[in-house]
Amino acid sequence: MRGRALKVVADNGAKRVEPAPLVVEAVALVEAAAPPAPPERISDQVKRLQAEARGLAHKHVMSLKTALEELKVLAEDISSGGDVYPAGVREIARRLVEDCEARAQAVASLAMRN
């Protein structure tokens, strides 16, 4: 067999057979279900909700402080705006500047206590 070589064979018009398309079916993965967590005790749920409420209240108070600071800036602009603004409005804005600054500081101080 040592001396024999492979020979090229003619096609002779034979039809080529196409391979069938490969079909892959989806396989559902099954996960091991973790054991259900024990239900939260009512006392723990109350504590969690109270802590969440305190956090939201603090955030709300800080929003008030920020709004007072923004109002102070707006009032400063109007109070120093000159004759373009009516005299009564300028006077109210001037008073608001003083009041907003003191109120914002008080709100911040009270918020830090709790």
C-alpha atoms as a PDB file:
ATOM      1  CA  MET A   1       0.000   0.000   0.000  1.00  0.00           C
ATOM      2  CA  ARG A   2       2.928   2.172   0.289  1.00  0.00           C
ATOM      3  CA  GLY A   3       3.201   3.225  -3.304  1.00  0.00           C
ATOM      4  CA  ARG A   4      -0.433   4.028  -3.932  1.00  0.00           C
ATOM      5  CA  ALA A   5      -1.478   7.671  -4.055  1.00  0.00           C
ATOM      6  CA  LEU A   6      -4.908   9.160  -3.908  1.00  0.00           C
ATOM      7  CA  LYS A   7      -6.414  10.115  -7.248  1.00  0.00           C
ATOM      8  CA  VAL A   8      -8.787  12.956  -8.041  1.00  0.00           C
ATOM      9  CA  VAL A   9     -12.167  11.561  -9.023  1.00  0.00           C
ATOM     10  CA  ALA A  10     -14.344  13.377 -11.532  1.00  0.00           C
ATOM     11  CA  ASP A  11     -17.652  14.898 -10.390  1.00  0.00           C
ATOM     12  CA  ASN A  12     -19.678  13.270 -13.183  1.00  0.00           C
ATOM     13  CA  GLY A  13     -22.577  15.719 -12.602  1.00  0.00           C
ATOM     14  CA  ALA A  14     -23.623  14.273  -9.293  1.00  0.00           C
ATOM     15  CA  LYS A  15     -25.825  16.594  -7.272  1.00  0.00           C
ATOM     16  CA  ARG A  16     -24.418  17.909  -4.088  1.00  0.00           C
ATOM     17  CA  VAL A  17     -26.481  17.129  -1.021  1.00  0.00           C
ATOM     18  CA  GLU A  18     -26.862  20.098   1.338  1.00  0.00           C
ATOM     19  CA  PRO A  19     -26.723  19.304   5.017  1.00  0.00           C
ATOM     20  CA  ALA A  20     -29.942  19.812   6.936  1.00  0.00           C
ATOM     21  CA  PRO A  21     -30.041  23.045   8.942  1.00  0.00           C
ATOM     22  CA  LEU A  22     -29.113  22.693  12.568  1.00  0.00           C
ATOM     23  CA  VAL A  23     -32.055  23.361  14.862  1.00  0.00           C
ATOM     24  CA  VAL A  24     -31.333  24.295  18.436  1.00  0.00           C
ATOM     25  CA  GLU A  25     -34.221  24.135  20.831  1.00  0.00           C
ATOM     26  CA  ALA A  26     -34.401  26.385  23.849  1.00  0.00           C
ATOM     27  CA  VAL A  27     -33.841  24.640  27.091  1.00  0.00           C
ATOM     28  CA  ALA A  28     -35.383  26.076  30.212  1.00  0.00           C
ATOM     29  CA  LEU A  29     -32.925  26.501  33.021  1.00  0.00           C
ATOM     30  CA  VAL A  30     -34.167  25.336  36.341  1.00  0.00           C
ATOM     31  CA  GLU A  31     -32.764  27.217  39.277  1.00  0.00           C
ATOM     32  CA  ALA A  32     -32.686  25.759  42.686  1.00  0.00           C
ATOM     33  CA  ALA A  33     -35.253  27.666  44.666  1.00  0.00           C
ATOM     34  CA  ALA A  34     -33.855  29.191  47.811  1.00  0.00           C
ATOM     35  CA  PRO A  35     -35.855  28.467  50.863  1.00  0.00           C
ATOM     36  CA  PRO A  36     -38.274  31.315  51.544  1.00  0.00           C
ATOM     37  CA  ALA A  37     -37.088  33.849  54.080  1.00  0.00           C
ATOM     38  CA  PRO A  38     -39.001  33.841  57.299  1.00  0.00           C
ATOM     39  CA  PRO A  39     -41.662  36.564  57.349  1.00  0.00           C
ATOM     40  CA  GLU A  40     -40.570  39.863  58.836  1.00  0.00           C
ATOM     41  CA  ARG A  41     -41.824  40.371  62.349  1.00  0.00           C
ATOM     42  CA  ILE A  42     -44.273  43.223  62.759  1.00  0.00           C
ATOM     43  CA  SER A  43     -42.062  44.955  65.312  1.00  0.00           C
ATOM     44  CA  ASP A  44     -39.113  44.818  62.882  1.00  0.00           C
ATOM     45  CA  GLN A  45     -41.306  46.135  60.091  1.00  0.00           C
ATOM     46  CA  VAL A  46     -42.473  49.037  62.294  1.00  0.00           C
ATOM     47  CA  LYS A  47     -38.859  49.928  63.160  1.00  0.00           C
ATOM     48  CA  ARG A  48     -37.811  49.766  59.517  1.00  0.00           C
ATOM     49  CA  LEU A  49     -40.704  51.967  58.403  1.00  0.00           C
ATOM     50  CA  GLN A  50     -40.054  54.481  61.193  1.00  0.00           C
ATOM     51  CA  ALA A  51     -36.395  54.745  60.174  1.00  0.00           C
ATOM     52  CA  GLU A  52     -37.429  55.241  56.553  1.00  0.00           C
ATOM     53  CA  ALA A  53     -39.941  57.939  57.579  1.00  0.00           C
ATOM     54  CA  ARG A  54     -37.277  59.746  59.639  1.00  0.00           C
ATOM     55  CA  GLY A  55     -34.899  59.700  56.677  1.00  0.00           C
ATOM     56  CA  LEU A  56     -37.545  61.080  54.335  1.00  0.00           C
ATOM     57  CA  ALA A  57     -38.559  63.754  56.852  1.00  0.00           C
ATOM     58  CA  HIS A  58     -34.919  64.867  57.164  1.00  0.00           C
ATOM     59  CA  LYS A  59     -34.656  65.065  53.382  1.00  0.00           C
ATOM     60  CA  HIS A  60     -37.855  67.131  53.277  1.00  0.00           C
ATOM     61  CA  VAL A  61     -36.576  69.522  55.962  1.00  0.00           C
ATOM     62  CA  MET A  62     -33.338  70.017  54.035  1.00  0.00           C
ATOM     63  CA  SER A  63     -35.427  70.824  50.947  1.00  0.00           C
ATOM     64  CA  LEU A  64     -37.144  73.557  52.998  1.00  0.00           C
ATOM     65  CA  LYS A  65     -33.749  74.955  53.995  1.00  0.00           C
ATOM     66  CA  THR A  66     -32.643  74.987  50.361  1.00  0.00           C
ATOM     67  CA  ALA A  67     -35.866  76.703  49.285  1.00  0.00           C
ATOM     68  CA  LEU A  68     -35.369  79.392  51.942  1.00  0.00           C
ATOM     69  CA  GLU A  69     -31.816  79.986  50.696  1.00  0.00           C
ATOM     70  CA  GLU A  70     -33.054  80.272  47.104  1.00  0.00           C
ATOM     71  CA  LEU A  71     -35.797  82.683  48.203  1.00  0.00           C
ATOM     72  CA  LYS A  72     -33.162  84.798  49.962  1.00  0.00           C
ATOM     73  CA  VAL A  73     -31.160  85.098  46.718  1.00  0.00           C
ATOM     74  CA  LEU A  74     -34.293  86.046  44.775  1.00  0.00           C
ATOM     75  CA  ALA A  75     -35.299  88.602  47.420  1.00  0.00           C
ATOM     76  CA  GLU A  76     -31.785  90.118  47.355  1.00  0.00           C
ATOM     77  CA  ASP A  77     -32.048  90.547  43.580  1.00  0.00           C
ATOM     78  CA  ILE A  78     -35.398  92.305  43.863  1.00  0.00           C
ATOM     79  CA  SER A  79     -34.461  94.458  46.872  1.00  0.00           C
ATOM     80  CA  SER A  80     -31.370  95.739  45.084  1.00  0.00           C
ATOM     81  CA  GLY A  81     -33.143  96.136  41.753  1.00  0.00           C
ATOM     82  CA  GLY A  82     -33.736  99.835  42.086  1.00  0.00           C
ATOM     83  CA  ASP A  83     -36.683 101.838  40.789  1.00  0.00           C
ATOM     84  CA  VAL A  84     -37.667  99.170  38.290  1.00  0.00           C
ATOM     85  CA  TYR A  85     -39.482  97.353  41.104  1.00  0.00           C
ATOM     86  CA  PRO A  86     -42.270  99.002  43.090  1.00  0.00           C
ATOM     87  CA  ALA A  87     -41.102 100.486  46.403  1.00  0.00           C
ATOM     88  CA  GLY A  88     -43.388  98.254  48.499  1.00  0.00           C
ATOM     89  CA  VAL A  89     -42.128  95.104  46.796  1.00  0.00           C
ATOM     90  CA  ARG A  90     -38.505  96.145  47.302  1.00  0.00           C
ATOM     91  CA  GLU A  91     -39.171  96.712  51.004  1.00  0.00           C
ATOM     92  CA  ILE A  92     -40.840  93.300  51.432  1.00  0.00           C
ATOM     93  CA  ALA A  93     -37.930  91.669  49.569  1.00  0.00           C
ATOM     94  CA  ARG A  94     -35.428  93.452  51.841  1.00  0.00           C
ATOM     95  CA  ARG A  95     -37.208  92.092  54.925  1.00  0.00           C
ATOM     96  CA  LEU A  96     -37.391  88.630  53.404  1.00  0.00           C
ATOM     97  CA  VAL A  97     -33.626  88.589  52.926  1.00  0.00           C
ATOM     98  CA  GLU A  98     -33.084  89.006  56.662  1.00  0.00           C
ATOM     99  CA  ASP A  99     -35.898  86.645  57.621  1.00  0.00           C
ATOM    100  CA  CYS A 100     -34.965  83.858  55.179  1.00  0.00           C
ATOM    101  CA  GLU A 101     -31.360  83.805  56.308  1.00  0.00           C
ATOM    102  CA  ALA A 102     -32.343  83.469  59.977  1.00  0.00           C
ATOM    103  CA  ARG A 103     -35.039  80.891  59.210  1.00  0.00           C
ATOM    104  CA  ALA A 104     -32.737  78.754  57.043  1.00  0.00           C
ATOM    105  CA  GLN A 105     -30.141  78.697  59.822  1.00  0.00           C
ATOM    106  CA  ALA A 106     -32.794  77.745  62.390  1.00  0.00           C
ATOM    107  CA  VAL A 107     -34.132  74.949  60.172  1.00  0.00           C
ATOM    108  CA  ALA A 108     -30.621  73.584  59.616  1.00  0.00           C
ATOM    109  CA  SER A 109     -29.861  73.727  63.343  1.00  0.00           C
ATOM    110  CA  LEU A 110     -33.079  71.930  64.278  1.00  0.00           C
ATOM    111  CA  ALA A 111     -32.536  69.308  61.581  1.00  0.00           C
ATOM    112  CA  MET A 112     -29.074  68.482  62.927  1.00  0.00           C
ATOM    113  CA  ARG A 113     -30.453  67.814  66.426  1.00  0.00           C
ATOM    114  CA  ASN A 114     -32.680  64.977  65.306  1.00  0.00           C
END
